[in-house]
Amino acid sequence: MTDNAAAQELLRIQKAWESEFPNEDHTAIPMITRLGIFSGYYRLAYERLLKPFGLRNTDYHVLGTLRSYGAKTPSSPTALSRFSFQNNAGTTRTLDRLESAGLIERRPHSVDRRRVDITLTKRGAELAEKSYRADLDFAQQLFANFSQSEQDQLIKLVDDLIDNLTGFIKTTNSTKKQH
């Protein structure tokens, strides 16, 4: 257990809930609380990582996704929204900001006039590469104390959590639509 003050406070809260509901199974709560702490610190670290580049987390994901396709390979706003975890309006705001900064270009689709192709500009590709290198350094620091075997195991466990979480989201979306 970490000596982090936030972790200690969450442990106190967990114990309080356990005493309120002694007949419930609380075994997953310690993991959930730690994932919550990790998520908060990770978000803060990413904000600091991207600040020198003038990027937000969503900007980074859009630029990185576009760069991973190849510097001049187009994508659609819909595809980009999947990787930035934004709704259509949020994706549009991100694309507007990146276009205003000269990092992306929007062009009409060559076949379907209702669609738009998004590509990186030269400046956008360069910024995507620089910020990705900073991300690589960050990842190396984050996992410096983990063996390759531990990293592989963590990847598997997190993949399983993502599967469970997306299944929950799909289930709650279909339940919501029925009401």
Protein backbone atom coordinates (compact mmCIF):
# COMPACT_ATOMS: atom_id res chain seq x y z
CA MET A 1 0.00 0.00 0.00
CA THR A 2 1.27 3.44 -0.90
CA ASP A 3 1.74 6.11 1.75
CA ASN A 4 0.04 8.62 -0.52
CA ALA A 5 -2.41 10.81 1.41
CA ALA A 6 -5.14 10.37 -1.21
CA ALA A 7 -4.79 6.58 -1.05
CA GLN A 8 -5.00 6.67 2.73
CA GLU A 9 -8.15 8.81 2.62
CA LEU A 10 -9.76 6.45 0.11
CA LEU A 11 -8.90 3.52 2.35
CA ARG A 12 -10.62 5.30 5.25
CA ILE A 13 -13.70 5.90 3.09
CA GLN A 14 -13.69 2.27 1.97
CA LYS A 15 -13.59 1.06 5.58
CA ALA A 16 -16.48 3.38 6.45
CA TRP A 17 -18.60 1.93 3.61
CA GLU A 18 -17.68 -1.61 4.67
CA SER A 19 -18.96 -0.89 8.17
CA GLU A 20 -22.19 0.60 6.72
CA PHE A 21 -22.76 -2.43 4.45
CA PRO A 22 -21.08 -5.37 6.20
CA ASN A 23 -22.92 -8.04 4.20
CA GLU A 24 -21.76 -6.78 0.78
CA ASP A 25 -18.73 -7.99 -1.19
CA HIS A 26 -16.19 -5.13 -1.21
CA THR A 27 -13.25 -7.06 -2.70
CA ALA A 28 -13.05 -5.00 -5.93
CA ILE A 29 -13.14 -1.64 -4.15
CA PRO A 30 -9.40 -1.45 -3.30
CA MET A 31 -8.55 -1.87 -6.99
CA ILE A 32 -11.19 0.63 -8.09
CA THR A 33 -9.92 3.24 -5.61
CA ARG A 34 -6.34 2.79 -6.79
CA LEU A 35 -7.39 3.03 -10.43
CA GLY A 36 -9.19 6.26 -9.55
CA ILE A 37 -6.08 7.68 -7.91
CA PHE A 38 -3.94 6.55 -10.83
CA SER A 39 -6.38 8.10 -13.30
CA GLY A 40 -6.25 11.47 -11.55
CA TYR A 41 -2.46 11.53 -11.35
CA TYR A 42 -2.13 10.27 -14.92
CA ARG A 43 -4.40 13.04 -16.21
CA LEU A 44 -2.38 15.64 -14.28
CA ALA A 45 0.94 14.24 -15.55
CA TYR A 46 -0.35 14.24 -19.14
CA GLU A 47 -1.51 17.84 -18.85
CA ARG A 48 2.00 18.78 -17.71
CA LEU A 49 3.63 16.63 -20.38
CA LEU A 50 1.64 18.26 -23.19
CA LYS A 51 1.66 21.86 -21.93
CA PRO A 52 5.07 22.77 -23.48
CA PHE A 53 3.67 21.66 -26.84
CA GLY A 54 0.53 23.77 -26.44
CA LEU A 55 -1.62 20.64 -26.66
CA ARG A 56 -4.52 19.24 -24.73
CA ASN A 57 -4.94 15.51 -24.27
CA THR A 58 -7.59 15.36 -27.00
CA ASP A 59 -5.33 17.33 -29.36
CA TYR A 60 -2.52 14.86 -28.76
CA HIS A 61 -4.75 11.86 -29.46
CA VAL A 62 -6.05 13.36 -32.71
CA LEU A 63 -2.56 14.34 -33.93
CA GLY A 64 -1.10 11.01 -32.85
CA THR A 65 -3.87 9.03 -34.53
CA LEU A 66 -3.45 10.97 -37.77
CA ARG A 67 0.35 10.55 -37.64
CA SER A 68 0.02 6.82 -37.04
CA TYR A 69 -1.90 6.53 -40.33
CA GLY A 70 0.96 8.21 -42.18
CA ALA A 71 1.59 11.92 -42.48
CA LYS A 72 -0.64 12.40 -45.53
CA THR A 73 -3.21 9.63 -45.06
CA PRO A 74 -6.63 11.19 -44.37
CA SER A 75 -9.06 10.25 -41.66
CA SER A 76 -12.62 11.21 -40.84
CA PRO A 77 -13.92 13.14 -37.83
CA THR A 78 -15.91 10.05 -36.81
CA ALA A 79 -12.82 7.83 -36.75
CA LEU A 80 -10.86 10.44 -34.81
CA SER A 81 -13.62 10.80 -32.20
CA ARG A 82 -13.30 7.09 -31.34
CA PHE A 83 -9.72 7.54 -30.20
CA SER A 84 -10.14 10.86 -28.41
CA PHE A 85 -13.19 9.73 -26.38
CA GLN A 86 -15.20 12.76 -27.44
CA ASN A 87 -18.67 13.23 -28.80
CA ASN A 88 -19.17 14.85 -32.21
CA ALA A 89 -19.32 18.38 -30.80
CA GLY A 90 -16.12 17.87 -28.79
CA THR A 91 -14.33 16.43 -31.81
CA THR A 92 -15.44 19.40 -33.92
CA ARG A 93 -14.07 21.84 -31.30
CA THR A 94 -10.77 19.94 -31.20
CA LEU A 95 -10.52 19.91 -35.00
CA ASP A 96 -11.38 23.62 -35.14
CA ARG A 97 -8.61 24.39 -32.64
CA LEU A 98 -6.05 22.22 -34.48
CA GLU A 99 -7.00 23.71 -37.84
CA SER A 100 -6.73 27.28 -36.47
CA ALA A 101 -3.26 26.40 -35.16
CA GLY A 102 -2.24 25.18 -38.62
CA LEU A 103 -1.78 21.57 -37.46
CA ILE A 104 -4.44 19.89 -39.59
CA GLU A 105 -6.28 20.50 -42.84
CA ARG A 106 -9.89 19.70 -43.66
CA ARG A 107 -10.75 18.90 -47.24
CA PRO A 108 -13.92 17.68 -48.91
CA HIS A 109 -13.92 13.93 -49.47
CA SER A 110 -13.03 13.07 -53.06
CA VAL A 111 -16.18 10.99 -53.63
CA ASP A 112 -18.77 11.85 -50.97
CA ARG A 113 -19.40 15.59 -50.58
CA ARG A 114 -21.04 15.00 -47.18
CA ARG A 115 -17.75 13.73 -45.75
CA VAL A 116 -14.58 15.55 -44.80
CA ASP A 117 -11.01 14.26 -44.89
CA ILE A 118 -8.66 15.35 -42.13
CA THR A 119 -4.88 15.33 -42.72
CA LEU A 120 -1.88 16.60 -40.82
CA THR A 121 0.03 19.60 -42.04
CA LYS A 122 3.82 19.43 -42.02
CA ARG A 123 3.80 21.41 -38.77
CA GLY A 124 1.16 19.05 -37.30
CA ALA A 125 3.22 15.97 -38.21
CA GLU A 126 6.33 17.49 -36.61
CA LEU A 127 4.44 18.36 -33.43
CA ALA A 128 2.90 14.87 -33.31
CA GLU A 129 6.38 13.34 -33.52
CA LYS A 130 7.90 15.66 -30.88
CA SER A 131 5.05 15.11 -28.45
CA TYR A 132 5.18 11.35 -29.07
CA ARG A 133 8.87 11.31 -28.17
CA ALA A 134 8.01 13.08 -24.90
CA ASP A 135 5.29 10.47 -24.36
CA LEU A 136 7.84 7.68 -24.89
CA ASP A 137 10.12 9.23 -22.27
CA PHE A 138 7.18 9.54 -19.89
CA ALA A 139 6.22 5.89 -20.41
CA GLN A 140 9.80 4.79 -19.76
CA GLN A 141 9.80 6.68 -16.46
CA LEU A 142 6.36 5.39 -15.51
CA PHE A 143 7.32 1.74 -16.03
CA ALA A 144 10.99 1.92 -15.02
CA ASN A 145 10.43 -0.34 -12.00
CA PHE A 146 8.47 -2.98 -13.92
CA SER A 147 10.04 -6.00 -15.58
CA GLN A 148 8.95 -6.87 -19.11
CA SER A 149 6.99 -9.79 -17.69
CA GLU A 150 5.18 -7.47 -15.27
CA GLN A 151 4.43 -5.03 -18.08
CA ASP A 152 3.03 -7.85 -20.23
CA GLN A 153 0.89 -9.05 -17.33
CA LEU A 154 -0.37 -5.52 -16.67
CA ILE A 155 -1.26 -5.08 -20.35
CA LYS A 156 -3.32 -8.28 -20.23
CA LEU A 157 -5.08 -7.25 -17.03
CA VAL A 158 -5.86 -3.75 -18.28
CA ASP A 159 -7.12 -5.17 -21.59
CA ASP A 160 -9.47 -7.39 -19.59
CA LEU A 161 -10.64 -4.37 -17.57
CA ILE A 162 -11.26 -2.41 -20.77
CA ASP A 163 -13.31 -5.31 -22.15
CA ASN A 164 -15.36 -5.45 -18.95
CA LEU A 165 -15.83 -1.69 -18.90
CA THR A 166 -16.88 -1.42 -22.54
CA GLY A 167 -19.28 -4.30 -21.97
CA PHE A 168 -20.78 -2.43 -19.01
CA ILE A 169 -21.09 0.74 -21.09
CA LYS A 170 -22.82 -1.13 -23.92
CA THR A 171 -25.18 -2.79 -21.45
CA THR A 172 -26.07 0.49 -19.72
CA ASN A 173 -26.59 2.20 -23.10
CA SER A 174 -28.99 -0.51 -24.26
CA THR A 175 -30.79 -0.42 -20.89
CA LYS A 176 -31.11 3.35 -21.12
CA LYS A 177 -32.61 3.12 -24.63
CA GLN A 178 -35.27 0.66 -23.44
CA HIS A 179 -36.68 3.10 -20.86
